[in-house]
Amino acid sequence: MELRKTAGKIKRKLVGTGASAKPAPKAVAIAFPDIADKVTNGHTISATGHKILQAGITELVAQQKISEVDGYFSSLPKYADHSERAAIAHTLVIGCLLGEYIPQQFQDSVAIVMEAADSAASTIECDALLNKAQDMLFHSFLHFAGNVSPLSQNPKDFLRHWDSSTSVKHILNDEIRNRANARTNVARSKVDAGVCFTTFTNRNFLQQIMDHADKVSNGSAHFIDIRGKEFTRVPLTIDEQIAFVRGNHDWDTSTIDSITHSETIFVEWGQRAAVVLSHLARQDQRIVVRIHSYEPFTVFPYLIDAAGVDQLIFVSSIIRNLVFEATPHLASIPTVVLPNAMDLAQFTPEKSDKAAKTLTMLGYGNPEKDPKWSLHVLKELVDSDPEWRLQCVGHFFPRTARPADVRYAEEFTAQISELGLDNHVELIGQVDDVSAALRDTGWILSASIRESFHQAVAEGAASGAVPVVRNWPGVAQWGGPADIYPSDWVVDTPHQAAERIRTLEATRVETGMAAREWVLSNVDWSVVADRYTSAIWGE
């Protein structure tokens, strides 16, 4: 396979992605001045007015008219009604975030919404305001756009207005919850206990665990997606879940009988399904919830009833540490840290002649993976030896993506040319046989901003490639990769990464085989499976 792809060819992949910031529709542009004038003067606007205001703010941000945007925030004190002031604050903030700008008034605006929730005249109004607050605090741009999340940097400070709200404290008060009394940890015999695996849509990491559970429980395991059409009366939207947690159980709970008849329920992802089942499952059922890296940056952990869960599984101590700092009420639940199920023995250590000077990223088409960081590693190596190459395996950045994704993809492809690496980078695309791709690599790179475990590192190491793992800056303070993998695999800068590679170049094969032995002995399914058995059935 020739390790070459020019920047021009790469850029053609971007055709159809569109500009980073699309202009507001003509109708919005026409209506915005009138709406803006009303806001400036503290007048009430309609629901349609809020949509126009939000689109207008997003467009102003795209035009980099930040001082003009700030002027609308200065109008907030003119609104005497708490709810109206909160609604305007929410619209302004969301407009900014959609334009990929964090306003300096962000936390003040959150405080306005929380104050309105705490003084709301009804629970319906309060819950609607709490939904607005979580919409601001857990907006995807803040946490999933390739930057270090402010929640990850300092959860207590970022969530201070949410945590101090009397409305939030009321929701977290077990006295009003469906499961008011602490559960007795329920253990089940793996021979006679039925187990239901359930999730909300995503079951990507479940199959091997389900197959194992089905085997050890004599065929009792089954799977149900709580988003299935038969569950139309289950509270799954965030506003429904907030009302549900508060105590509004006006739902047809009989629709989840097919889940709750099982003695043991394994809930994948600590989000919507975990919220519902932590409140509705019977006292004599065992509830196990597995949390990945997505959930800490959502409202869902706040809504899980800790008294309704027997076991938490975290895919790494990094995520456990962050979740317990952000949502300490979950720390009372028995906890175990277990990696994803990985059959690493399938990756054989045979290498081609290309491997010695080939770096590989498995999965790169996402700003969170930060492939630009790998380009700087490659540049240092190429400057002293032009035989070095980087292969990027996996999907390219999505064609229809967030502006942040499009912008990052454009920067990535441009940087390949700017650094003179056109003949040293290959974008392989998605492959069915990862093992085959790894035969050409001697070095597995993890350049990510944030990971919970990064399975690609373990897979690369299992193939005999030498791991070079960036100290993921988004979660470094919660343990980082050194809490998972040997610390000598971890580097902080591209220069340190290049130095690690140069230092180990003469002993690459031996070092790669040592890495292979480590992952097979510590995180392969053969050594993890029995620990999942214990976690699921409490044995």
Protein backbone atom coordinates (compact mmCIF):
# COMPACT_ATOMS: atom_id res chain seq x y z
CA MET A 1 0.00 0.00 0.00
CA GLU A 2 1.59 3.27 -1.07
CA LEU A 3 1.80 5.70 1.81
CA ARG A 4 0.82 8.81 -0.05
CA LYS A 5 -2.17 11.09 -0.39
CA THR A 6 -1.83 14.69 -1.47
CA ALA A 7 -3.54 17.57 0.27
CA GLY A 8 -5.45 18.26 -2.91
CA LYS A 9 -6.99 14.79 -2.86
CA ILE A 10 -7.79 15.16 0.80
CA LYS A 11 -9.47 18.50 0.23
CA ARG A 12 -11.81 16.94 -2.29
CA LYS A 13 -13.29 14.96 0.58
CA LEU A 14 -14.49 18.27 2.00
CA VAL A 15 -16.66 19.13 -1.01
CA GLY A 16 -20.22 19.45 0.15
CA THR A 17 -19.42 20.29 3.76
CA GLY A 18 -20.42 23.90 3.28
CA ALA A 19 -19.05 27.01 4.97
CA SER A 20 -18.21 27.02 8.63
CA ALA A 21 -20.95 29.50 9.40
CA LYS A 22 -24.09 29.64 7.31
CA PRO A 23 -25.91 32.99 7.04
CA ALA A 24 -29.27 33.38 8.71
CA PRO A 25 -32.27 32.84 6.41
CA LYS A 26 -33.51 35.98 4.68
CA ALA A 27 -36.71 36.02 6.73
CA VAL A 28 -34.69 36.01 9.94
CA ALA A 29 -32.41 38.76 8.67
CA ILE A 30 -35.43 40.93 7.89
CA ALA A 31 -37.18 40.30 11.21
CA PHE A 32 -34.12 40.47 13.46
CA PRO A 33 -33.82 44.29 13.76
CA ASP A 34 -37.36 44.55 15.13
CA ILE A 35 -36.83 41.70 17.60
CA ALA A 36 -33.45 43.11 18.62
CA ASP A 37 -35.02 46.49 19.32
CA LYS A 38 -37.63 44.87 21.57
CA VAL A 39 -34.96 43.00 23.53
CA THR A 40 -32.82 46.12 23.88
CA ASN A 41 -35.79 47.87 25.44
CA GLY A 42 -36.76 44.97 27.70
CA HIS A 43 -39.96 44.01 25.88
CA THR A 44 -41.51 40.55 25.82
CA ILE A 45 -41.10 38.59 22.60
CA SER A 46 -42.98 35.58 21.27
CA ALA A 47 -41.72 32.03 20.79
CA THR A 48 -41.06 32.91 17.16
CA GLY A 49 -39.24 36.00 18.35
CA HIS A 50 -36.92 33.82 20.44
CA LYS A 51 -36.09 31.72 17.36
CA ILE A 52 -35.32 34.87 15.37
CA LEU A 53 -33.23 36.29 18.20
CA GLN A 54 -31.23 33.08 18.54
CA ALA A 55 -30.53 32.89 14.79
CA GLY A 56 -29.60 36.57 14.72
CA ILE A 57 -27.14 36.20 17.60
CA THR A 58 -25.55 33.18 15.89
CA GLU A 59 -25.10 35.24 12.71
CA LEU A 60 -23.60 38.18 14.62
CA VAL A 61 -21.07 35.81 16.18
CA ALA A 62 -20.24 34.44 12.72
CA GLN A 63 -19.60 38.03 11.63
CA GLN A 64 -17.42 38.48 14.74
CA LYS A 65 -19.59 41.34 16.00
CA ILE A 66 -18.97 40.32 19.60
CA SER A 67 -19.40 43.78 21.12
CA GLU A 68 -22.85 43.97 19.54
CA VAL A 69 -23.70 40.56 20.98
CA ASP A 70 -22.55 41.68 24.42
CA GLY A 71 -24.90 44.63 24.16
CA TYR A 72 -27.93 42.35 24.16
CA PHE A 73 -26.75 40.68 27.38
CA SER A 74 -26.57 44.13 28.99
CA SER A 75 -30.32 44.44 28.34
CA LEU A 76 -31.18 41.55 30.69
CA PRO A 77 -31.60 43.71 33.86
CA LYS A 78 -34.43 45.55 32.10
CA TYR A 79 -36.64 42.46 32.43
CA ALA A 80 -38.43 42.57 35.77
CA ASP A 81 -40.11 39.20 35.32
CA HIS A 82 -37.70 36.43 36.32
CA SER A 83 -39.00 33.93 33.79
CA GLU A 84 -38.87 36.37 30.88
CA ARG A 85 -35.35 37.46 31.82
CA ALA A 86 -34.31 33.80 32.03
CA ALA A 87 -35.84 33.00 28.64
CA ILE A 88 -33.95 35.85 26.99
CA ALA A 89 -30.71 34.85 28.75
CA HIS A 90 -31.12 31.28 27.52
CA THR A 91 -31.79 32.36 23.94
CA LEU A 92 -28.76 34.67 23.89
CA VAL A 93 -26.44 32.00 25.27
CA ILE A 94 -27.64 29.26 22.93
CA GLY A 95 -27.32 31.64 19.98
CA CYS A 96 -23.71 32.26 20.98
CA LEU A 97 -22.90 28.58 21.49
CA LEU A 98 -24.41 27.66 18.13
CA GLY A 99 -22.04 30.24 16.68
CA GLU A 100 -19.25 28.54 18.64
CA TYR A 101 -18.59 31.39 21.01
CA ILE A 102 -18.72 31.20 24.81
CA PRO A 103 -20.00 34.58 26.00
CA GLN A 104 -18.30 36.18 28.97
CA GLN A 105 -21.79 36.45 30.49
CA PHE A 106 -22.26 32.66 30.39
CA GLN A 107 -22.22 31.97 34.13
CA ASP A 108 -24.22 35.12 34.93
CA SER A 109 -26.86 33.92 32.47
CA VAL A 110 -26.94 30.47 34.07
CA ALA A 111 -27.43 32.18 37.45
CA ILE A 112 -30.38 34.14 36.04
CA VAL A 113 -32.06 30.94 34.83
CA MET A 114 -31.43 29.10 38.11
CA GLU A 115 -32.78 32.05 40.12
CA ALA A 116 -35.94 31.99 38.01
CA ALA A 117 -36.30 28.23 38.53
CA ASP A 118 -35.96 28.62 42.30
CA SER A 119 -38.63 31.32 42.39
CA ALA A 120 -41.00 29.71 39.87
CA ALA A 121 -44.69 29.74 40.71
CA SER A 122 -45.27 26.13 39.67
CA THR A 123 -43.35 22.90 39.26
CA ILE A 124 -44.13 22.93 35.54
CA GLU A 125 -42.51 26.36 35.16
CA CYS A 126 -39.60 25.32 37.37
CA ASP A 127 -38.93 22.16 35.36
CA ALA A 128 -39.03 24.11 32.09
CA LEU A 129 -36.41 26.49 33.49
CA LEU A 130 -34.25 23.62 34.74
CA ASN A 131 -34.37 22.24 31.21
CA LYS A 132 -33.13 25.59 29.89
CA ALA A 133 -30.31 25.60 32.44
CA GLN A 134 -29.12 22.12 31.54
CA ASP A 135 -29.42 23.05 27.85
CA MET A 136 -26.86 25.79 28.50
CA LEU A 137 -24.54 23.91 30.85
CA PHE A 138 -24.37 20.70 28.85
CA HIS A 139 -24.40 22.15 25.35
CA SER A 140 -22.35 19.99 22.99
CA PHE A 141 -20.13 22.86 21.86
CA LEU A 142 -18.79 23.30 25.39
CA HIS A 143 -17.77 19.67 25.79
CA PHE A 144 -17.53 17.90 22.43
CA ALA A 145 -16.05 20.36 19.95
CA GLY A 146 -12.38 19.47 20.30
CA ASN A 147 -11.57 21.76 23.20
CA VAL A 148 -10.94 20.94 26.85
CA SER A 149 -14.37 20.99 28.49
CA PRO A 150 -14.81 23.64 31.21
CA LEU A 151 -16.68 21.02 33.23
CA SER A 152 -13.67 18.72 33.07
CA GLN A 153 -11.32 21.53 34.09
CA ASN A 154 -13.24 22.47 37.22
CA PRO A 155 -16.61 20.76 37.79
CA LYS A 156 -17.41 22.51 41.05
CA ASP A 157 -16.83 25.96 39.61
CA PHE A 158 -18.51 25.30 36.26
CA LEU A 159 -21.61 23.82 37.93
CA ARG A 160 -21.72 26.17 40.92
CA HIS A 161 -25.08 27.79 40.09
CA TRP A 162 -26.66 24.44 39.26
CA ASP A 163 -25.35 22.81 42.43
CA SER A 164 -26.46 25.66 44.69
CA SER A 165 -30.00 25.79 43.28
CA THR A 166 -32.75 24.83 45.72
CA SER A 167 -34.69 23.35 42.80
CA VAL A 168 -31.85 21.00 41.89
CA LYS A 169 -31.35 20.06 45.53
CA HIS A 170 -35.05 19.27 45.72
CA ILE A 171 -34.82 16.97 42.71
CA LEU A 172 -31.85 15.21 44.29
CA ASN A 173 -33.71 14.76 47.56
CA ASP A 174 -34.44 11.04 47.89
CA GLU A 175 -37.55 11.78 49.96
CA ILE A 176 -39.49 12.75 46.84
CA ARG A 177 -38.13 9.96 44.71
CA ASN A 178 -39.88 6.79 43.76
CA ARG A 179 -37.18 4.77 45.49
CA ALA A 180 -36.85 6.64 48.76
CA ASN A 181 -35.22 3.88 50.81
CA ALA A 182 -31.69 2.72 50.17
CA ARG A 183 -31.58 -0.63 48.43
CA THR A 184 -30.06 -3.75 49.84
CA ASN A 185 -27.31 -4.85 47.48
CA VAL A 186 -28.89 -7.77 45.66
CA ALA A 187 -26.75 -10.67 44.52
CA ARG A 188 -28.04 -13.27 42.05
CA SER A 189 -26.94 -16.76 41.09
CA LYS A 190 -25.67 -16.73 37.51
CA VAL A 191 -27.34 -20.08 36.93
CA ASP A 192 -30.95 -19.16 37.64
CA ALA A 193 -31.17 -15.38 37.26
CA GLY A 194 -32.50 -13.86 34.07
CA VAL A 195 -30.59 -10.82 32.86
CA CYS A 196 -31.84 -8.11 30.55
CA PHE A 197 -29.38 -5.83 28.77
CA THR A 198 -30.95 -2.53 27.88
CA THR A 199 -29.85 0.80 26.51
CA PHE A 200 -31.02 3.89 24.68
CA THR A 201 -30.04 3.30 21.03
CA ASN A 202 -26.28 2.62 21.33
CA ARG A 203 -25.22 -0.99 21.87
CA ASN A 204 -21.84 -0.77 20.14
CA PHE A 205 -19.83 -2.12 23.07
CA LEU A 206 -22.25 -4.73 24.39
CA GLN A 207 -22.23 -7.79 22.18
CA GLN A 208 -19.31 -9.70 23.70
CA ILE A 209 -20.57 -9.04 27.24
CA MET A 210 -24.08 -10.21 26.31
CA ASP A 211 -22.74 -13.37 24.68
CA HIS A 212 -20.75 -14.13 27.82
CA ALA A 213 -23.72 -13.48 30.10
CA ASP A 214 -25.95 -15.68 27.98
CA LYS A 215 -23.44 -18.51 28.21
CA VAL A 216 -22.89 -18.40 31.96
CA SER A 217 -26.60 -17.97 32.71
CA ASN A 218 -27.78 -20.87 30.57
CA GLY A 219 -29.37 -18.74 27.87
CA SER A 220 -31.22 -16.29 30.14
CA ALA A 221 -29.76 -13.10 28.66
CA HIS A 222 -31.75 -10.92 26.29
CA PHE A 223 -31.56 -7.36 24.92
CA ILE A 224 -34.12 -4.57 24.69
CA ASP A 225 -33.63 -1.06 23.29
CA ILE A 226 -35.69 1.30 25.45
CA ARG A 227 -36.13 3.54 22.41
CA GLY A 228 -38.09 0.82 20.60
CA LYS A 229 -41.51 1.62 19.21
CA GLU A 230 -43.19 -0.31 22.02
CA PHE A 231 -41.86 2.21 24.53
CA THR A 232 -43.67 5.29 23.29
CA ARG A 233 -44.90 6.12 26.78
CA VAL A 234 -41.54 6.09 28.53
CA PRO A 235 -40.12 9.53 29.52
CA LEU A 236 -37.04 9.84 27.33
CA THR A 237 -36.70 13.52 26.41
CA ILE A 238 -34.78 15.58 28.92
CA ASP A 239 -37.74 17.73 29.90
CA GLU A 240 -39.81 14.57 30.43
CA GLN A 241 -37.05 13.04 32.52
CA ILE A 242 -36.77 16.09 34.77
CA ALA A 243 -40.52 16.01 35.42
CA PHE A 244 -40.37 12.24 35.91
CA VAL A 245 -37.57 12.46 38.48
CA ARG A 246 -39.43 15.17 40.36
CA GLY A 247 -42.23 12.67 40.91
CA ASN A 248 -44.47 12.95 37.86
CA HIS A 249 -45.01 9.25 37.17
CA ASP A 250 -47.99 9.77 34.88
CA TRP A 251 -46.56 7.27 32.43
CA ASP A 252 -47.69 3.92 31.16
CA THR A 253 -45.03 2.00 33.05
CA SER A 254 -46.52 -1.31 31.94
CA THR A 255 -44.64 -0.83 28.68
CA ILE A 256 -41.35 -1.65 30.43
CA ASP A 257 -42.59 -4.93 31.93
CA SER A 258 -40.47 -6.80 29.40
CA ILE A 259 -37.43 -5.22 31.04
CA THR A 260 -38.38 -5.19 34.68
CA HIS A 261 -39.48 -8.83 34.87
CA SER A 262 -35.80 -9.79 34.74
CA GLU A 263 -34.09 -10.29 38.07
CA THR A 264 -30.95 -8.53 36.86
CA ILE A 265 -30.88 -5.50 34.55
CA PHE A 266 -27.65 -4.31 32.91
CA VAL A 267 -28.09 -0.73 31.70
CA GLU A 268 -25.56 0.38 29.09
CA TRP A 269 -24.71 4.09 29.35
CA GLY A 270 -25.60 6.19 32.39
CA GLN A 271 -28.21 8.21 30.58
CA ARG A 272 -31.93 7.97 29.68
CA ALA A 273 -32.50 4.26 30.31
CA ALA A 274 -30.49 4.43 33.53
CA VAL A 275 -32.59 7.35 34.79
CA VAL A 276 -35.89 5.56 34.16
CA LEU A 277 -34.87 2.17 35.53
CA SER A 278 -33.12 3.54 38.62
CA HIS A 279 -36.52 4.92 39.63
CA LEU A 280 -38.88 2.21 38.43
CA ALA A 281 -37.12 -1.11 38.93
CA ARG A 282 -38.34 -3.27 41.81
CA GLN A 283 -36.52 -3.38 45.13
CA ASP A 284 -35.69 -7.06 44.64
CA GLN A 285 -34.06 -6.50 41.26
CA ARG A 286 -30.35 -6.00 40.72
CA ILE A 287 -29.59 -2.89 38.65
CA VAL A 288 -26.14 -2.53 37.06
CA VAL A 289 -25.26 0.64 35.14
CA ARG A 290 -22.17 1.06 32.96
CA ILE A 291 -20.87 4.59 32.39
CA HIS A 292 -18.62 5.64 29.51
CA SER A 293 -16.98 9.01 28.74
CA TYR A 294 -20.05 10.75 27.28
CA GLU A 295 -22.30 10.85 30.32
CA PRO A 296 -20.30 13.14 32.66
CA PHE A 297 -20.91 15.97 30.20
CA THR A 298 -24.70 15.56 30.29
CA VAL A 299 -27.43 16.14 32.85
CA PHE A 300 -28.31 12.45 33.14
CA PRO A 301 -26.03 11.46 36.07
CA TYR A 302 -27.85 14.09 38.14
CA LEU A 303 -31.16 12.39 37.44
CA ILE A 304 -30.10 8.83 38.31
CA ASP A 305 -31.46 7.64 41.65
CA ALA A 306 -28.41 6.37 43.53
CA ALA A 307 -30.70 4.38 45.82
CA GLY A 308 -31.99 2.49 42.78
CA VAL A 309 -28.65 1.19 41.51
CA ASP A 310 -26.72 -1.77 42.94
CA GLN A 311 -23.55 -1.53 40.88
CA LEU A 312 -21.79 1.08 38.77
CA ILE A 313 -19.26 -0.01 36.16
CA PHE A 314 -16.87 2.61 34.82
CA VAL A 315 -14.73 1.93 31.77
CA SER A 316 -11.82 3.73 33.46
CA SER A 317 -10.87 5.36 36.75
CA ILE A 318 -10.58 8.65 34.85
CA ILE A 319 -14.32 8.77 34.25
CA ARG A 320 -15.11 7.49 37.73
CA ASN A 321 -13.06 10.29 39.29
CA LEU A 322 -14.72 12.95 37.14
CA VAL A 323 -18.27 11.65 37.70
CA PHE A 324 -17.84 11.46 41.47
CA GLU A 325 -16.48 15.01 41.55
CA ALA A 326 -19.32 16.39 39.41
CA THR A 327 -22.15 14.23 40.82
CA PRO A 328 -21.03 13.06 44.28
CA HIS A 329 -24.42 11.52 45.12
CA LEU A 330 -23.44 8.58 42.87
CA ALA A 331 -20.32 7.85 44.94
CA SER A 332 -22.45 5.90 47.44
CA ILE A 333 -23.03 3.14 44.87
CA PRO A 334 -20.68 0.12 44.83
CA THR A 335 -18.27 0.67 41.96
CA VAL A 336 -15.92 -1.32 39.78
CA VAL A 337 -13.65 -0.20 36.94
CA LEU A 338 -13.68 -2.56 33.94
CA PRO A 339 -12.47 -1.92 30.38
CA ASN A 340 -14.59 -2.61 27.34
CA ALA A 341 -14.68 -6.21 26.15
CA MET A 342 -11.74 -6.63 23.77
CA ASP A 343 -10.53 -9.79 22.07
CA LEU A 344 -6.92 -8.68 21.77
CA ALA A 345 -5.44 -12.09 21.02
CA GLN A 346 -6.76 -11.77 17.45
CA PHE A 347 -4.10 -9.14 16.74
CA THR A 348 -0.99 -11.03 15.76
CA PRO A 349 2.47 -9.42 15.99
CA GLU A 350 3.58 -10.13 12.42
CA LYS A 351 4.87 -6.94 10.79
CA SER A 352 5.67 -5.86 7.25
CA ASP A 353 8.85 -4.06 6.24
CA LYS A 354 6.91 -0.78 6.36
CA ALA A 355 6.23 -1.06 10.08
CA ALA A 356 9.56 0.29 11.32
CA LYS A 357 8.89 3.82 10.03
CA THR A 358 5.09 3.89 10.11
CA LEU A 359 2.93 5.60 12.74
CA THR A 360 -0.79 4.81 12.91
CA MET A 361 -3.90 6.43 14.29
CA LEU A 362 -6.94 4.12 14.54
CA GLY A 363 -9.88 6.51 14.26
CA TYR A 364 -9.12 10.17 13.61
CA GLY A 365 -12.10 11.92 11.95
CA ASN A 366 -13.19 13.89 15.01
CA PRO A 367 -11.69 17.00 16.65
CA GLU A 368 -11.59 15.07 19.93
CA LYS A 369 -9.02 12.71 18.32
CA ASP A 370 -6.87 15.76 17.41
CA PRO A 371 -4.93 14.31 14.46
CA LYS A 372 -3.22 17.70 14.02
CA TRP A 373 -1.17 16.80 17.11
CA SER A 374 0.08 13.69 15.30
CA LEU A 375 1.17 15.79 12.34
CA HIS A 376 3.58 17.65 14.60
CA VAL A 377 5.00 14.35 15.85
CA LEU A 378 5.43 13.23 12.25
CA LYS A 379 7.03 16.54 11.25
CA GLU A 380 9.77 16.15 13.88
CA LEU A 381 10.55 12.67 12.63
CA VAL A 382 10.46 13.52 8.91
CA ASP A 383 12.81 16.46 9.39
CA SER A 384 15.54 14.01 10.40
CA ASP A 385 14.44 11.00 8.31
CA PRO A 386 12.13 11.38 5.27
CA GLU A 387 11.15 7.69 5.37
CA TRP A 388 8.68 8.27 8.23
CA ARG A 389 4.97 7.99 7.39
CA LEU A 390 1.62 8.39 9.18
CA GLN A 391 -1.42 6.29 8.30
CA CYS A 392 -4.83 7.40 9.56
CA VAL A 393 -7.33 4.55 9.63
CA GLY A 394 -11.08 5.21 9.82
CA HIS A 395 -13.77 7.51 8.53
CA PHE A 396 -12.83 10.99 7.38
CA PHE A 397 -14.59 13.88 9.10
CA PRO A 398 -18.36 13.76 8.38
CA ARG A 399 -19.59 15.69 5.36
CA THR A 400 -22.59 17.06 7.24
CA ALA A 401 -21.04 18.09 10.51
CA ARG A 402 -20.97 20.82 13.10
CA PRO A 403 -19.07 23.94 12.04
CA ALA A 404 -16.31 22.96 14.50
CA ASP A 405 -15.86 19.62 12.73
CA VAL A 406 -15.77 21.22 9.29
CA ARG A 407 -13.30 23.87 10.40
CA TYR A 408 -11.05 21.29 12.05
CA ALA A 409 -11.09 19.09 8.92
CA GLU A 410 -10.10 22.07 6.79
CA GLU A 411 -7.30 22.98 9.19
CA PHE A 412 -6.07 19.38 9.29
CA THR A 413 -5.84 19.02 5.53
CA ALA A 414 -4.25 22.45 5.16
CA GLN A 415 -1.68 21.67 7.84
CA ILE A 416 -0.54 18.55 5.98
CA SER A 417 0.62 20.79 3.14
CA GLU A 418 1.86 23.60 5.38
CA LEU A 419 4.16 21.18 7.21
CA GLY A 420 5.38 19.66 3.96
CA LEU A 421 3.86 16.26 4.73
CA ASP A 422 1.88 15.66 1.52
CA ASN A 423 3.92 12.56 0.69
CA HIS A 424 4.02 11.27 4.26
CA VAL A 425 0.33 10.99 5.22
CA GLU A 426 -2.20 8.43 4.07
CA LEU A 427 -5.88 8.44 4.91
CA ILE A 428 -6.83 4.80 4.56
CA GLY A 429 -10.52 5.04 5.35
CA GLN A 430 -12.65 2.55 7.25
CA VAL A 431 -11.37 -1.03 7.10
CA ASP A 432 -13.02 -4.34 7.92
CA ASP A 433 -9.75 -5.96 8.97
CA VAL A 434 -7.98 -3.76 11.52
CA SER A 435 -5.37 -6.48 12.04
CA ALA A 436 -4.27 -6.13 8.43
CA ALA A 437 -3.83 -2.38 8.77
CA LEU A 438 -1.79 -2.87 11.93
CA ARG A 439 0.67 -5.18 10.17
CA ASP A 440 2.08 -2.07 8.49
CA THR A 441 2.62 -0.14 11.71
CA GLY A 442 5.30 -0.24 14.34
CA TRP A 443 3.95 2.67 16.39
CA ILE A 444 0.38 3.27 17.60
CA LEU A 445 -0.45 6.92 18.36
CA SER A 446 -3.13 8.30 20.67
CA ALA A 447 -3.34 12.06 20.13
CA SER A 448 -6.75 12.62 21.71
CA ILE A 449 -7.88 15.56 23.79
CA ARG A 450 -10.13 13.29 25.84
CA GLU A 451 -10.58 9.53 26.14
CA SER A 452 -12.00 7.22 28.75
CA PHE A 453 -9.84 4.23 27.75
CA HIS A 454 -8.97 4.48 24.04
CA GLN A 455 -9.35 0.97 22.79
CA ALA A 456 -7.13 1.73 19.79
CA VAL A 457 -4.12 1.88 22.10
CA ALA A 458 -4.78 -1.63 23.40
CA GLU A 459 -5.43 -2.96 19.90
CA GLY A 460 -2.26 -1.42 18.54
CA ALA A 461 -0.21 -2.73 21.44
CA ALA A 462 -1.71 -6.20 20.97
CA SER A 463 -0.35 -6.14 17.42
CA GLY A 464 3.14 -5.52 18.73
CA ALA A 465 3.17 -1.79 17.90
CA VAL A 466 4.84 0.52 20.39
CA PRO A 467 2.26 2.78 22.13
CA VAL A 468 2.86 6.54 22.13
CA VAL A 469 0.04 8.08 24.14
CA ARG A 470 -0.58 11.78 24.59
CA ASN A 471 -1.44 12.75 28.16
CA TRP A 472 -5.02 13.53 27.17
CA PRO A 473 -5.34 17.18 28.34
CA GLY A 474 -9.11 17.03 28.75
CA VAL A 475 -8.87 14.44 31.51
CA ALA A 476 -5.22 14.58 32.62
CA GLN A 477 -6.16 15.99 36.04
CA TRP A 478 -8.46 13.00 36.66
CA GLY A 479 -5.69 10.48 36.13
CA GLY A 480 -5.15 10.53 32.38
CA PRO A 481 -3.82 7.56 30.41
CA ALA A 482 -1.22 6.77 33.09
CA ASP A 483 -4.12 5.58 35.27
CA ILE A 484 -4.85 2.93 32.62
CA TYR A 485 -1.63 2.11 30.81
CA PRO A 486 2.05 1.98 31.87
CA SER A 487 3.25 5.52 32.57
CA ASP A 488 6.24 5.23 30.26
CA TRP A 489 3.82 5.02 27.30
CA VAL A 490 2.60 8.57 28.07
CA VAL A 491 4.01 11.84 26.71
CA ASP A 492 2.93 15.47 27.03
CA THR A 493 4.12 17.09 23.80
CA PRO A 494 4.77 16.16 20.18
CA HIS A 495 8.48 16.66 20.84
CA GLN A 496 8.39 14.15 23.71
CA ALA A 497 6.49 11.75 21.47
CA ALA A 498 9.15 12.02 18.76
CA GLU A 499 11.88 11.56 21.35
CA ARG A 500 10.20 8.42 22.69
CA ILE A 501 10.07 7.01 19.18
CA ARG A 502 13.71 7.85 18.41
CA THR A 503 14.87 6.41 21.72
CA LEU A 504 13.04 3.13 21.18
CA GLU A 505 13.65 2.78 17.45
CA ALA A 506 16.50 0.29 17.91
CA THR A 507 14.45 -1.85 20.32
CA ARG A 508 11.07 -1.39 18.65
CA VAL A 509 10.31 -5.09 18.24
CA GLU A 510 11.15 -6.00 21.84
CA THR A 511 9.31 -2.96 23.21
CA GLY A 512 6.26 -3.75 21.08
CA MET A 513 6.20 -7.35 22.28
CA ALA A 514 6.39 -6.16 25.91
CA ALA A 515 3.41 -3.87 25.24
CA ARG A 516 1.55 -6.79 23.69
CA GLU A 517 2.20 -8.93 26.76
CA TRP A 518 0.97 -6.14 29.04
CA VAL A 519 -2.39 -5.66 27.33
CA LEU A 520 -2.99 -9.40 27.00
CA SER A 521 -2.28 -9.86 30.70
CA ASN A 522 -4.27 -6.87 31.96
CA VAL A 523 -7.14 -5.83 29.68
CA ASP A 524 -7.84 -8.70 27.29
CA TRP A 525 -11.31 -10.28 27.53
CA SER A 526 -9.74 -13.50 28.80
CA VAL A 527 -8.77 -11.74 32.05
CA VAL A 528 -11.76 -9.39 32.25
CA ALA A 529 -14.71 -11.72 31.56
CA ASP A 530 -14.93 -13.21 35.08
CA ARG A 531 -14.86 -9.71 36.56
CA TYR A 532 -17.91 -8.84 34.45
CA THR A 533 -19.63 -11.96 35.76
CA SER A 534 -19.05 -10.75 39.32
CA ALA A 535 -20.19 -7.21 38.53
CA ILE A 536 -23.39 -8.33 36.80
CA TRP A 537 -24.54 -10.86 39.38
CA GLY A 538 -22.84 -9.48 42.49
CA GLU A 539 -20.95 -12.65 43.20
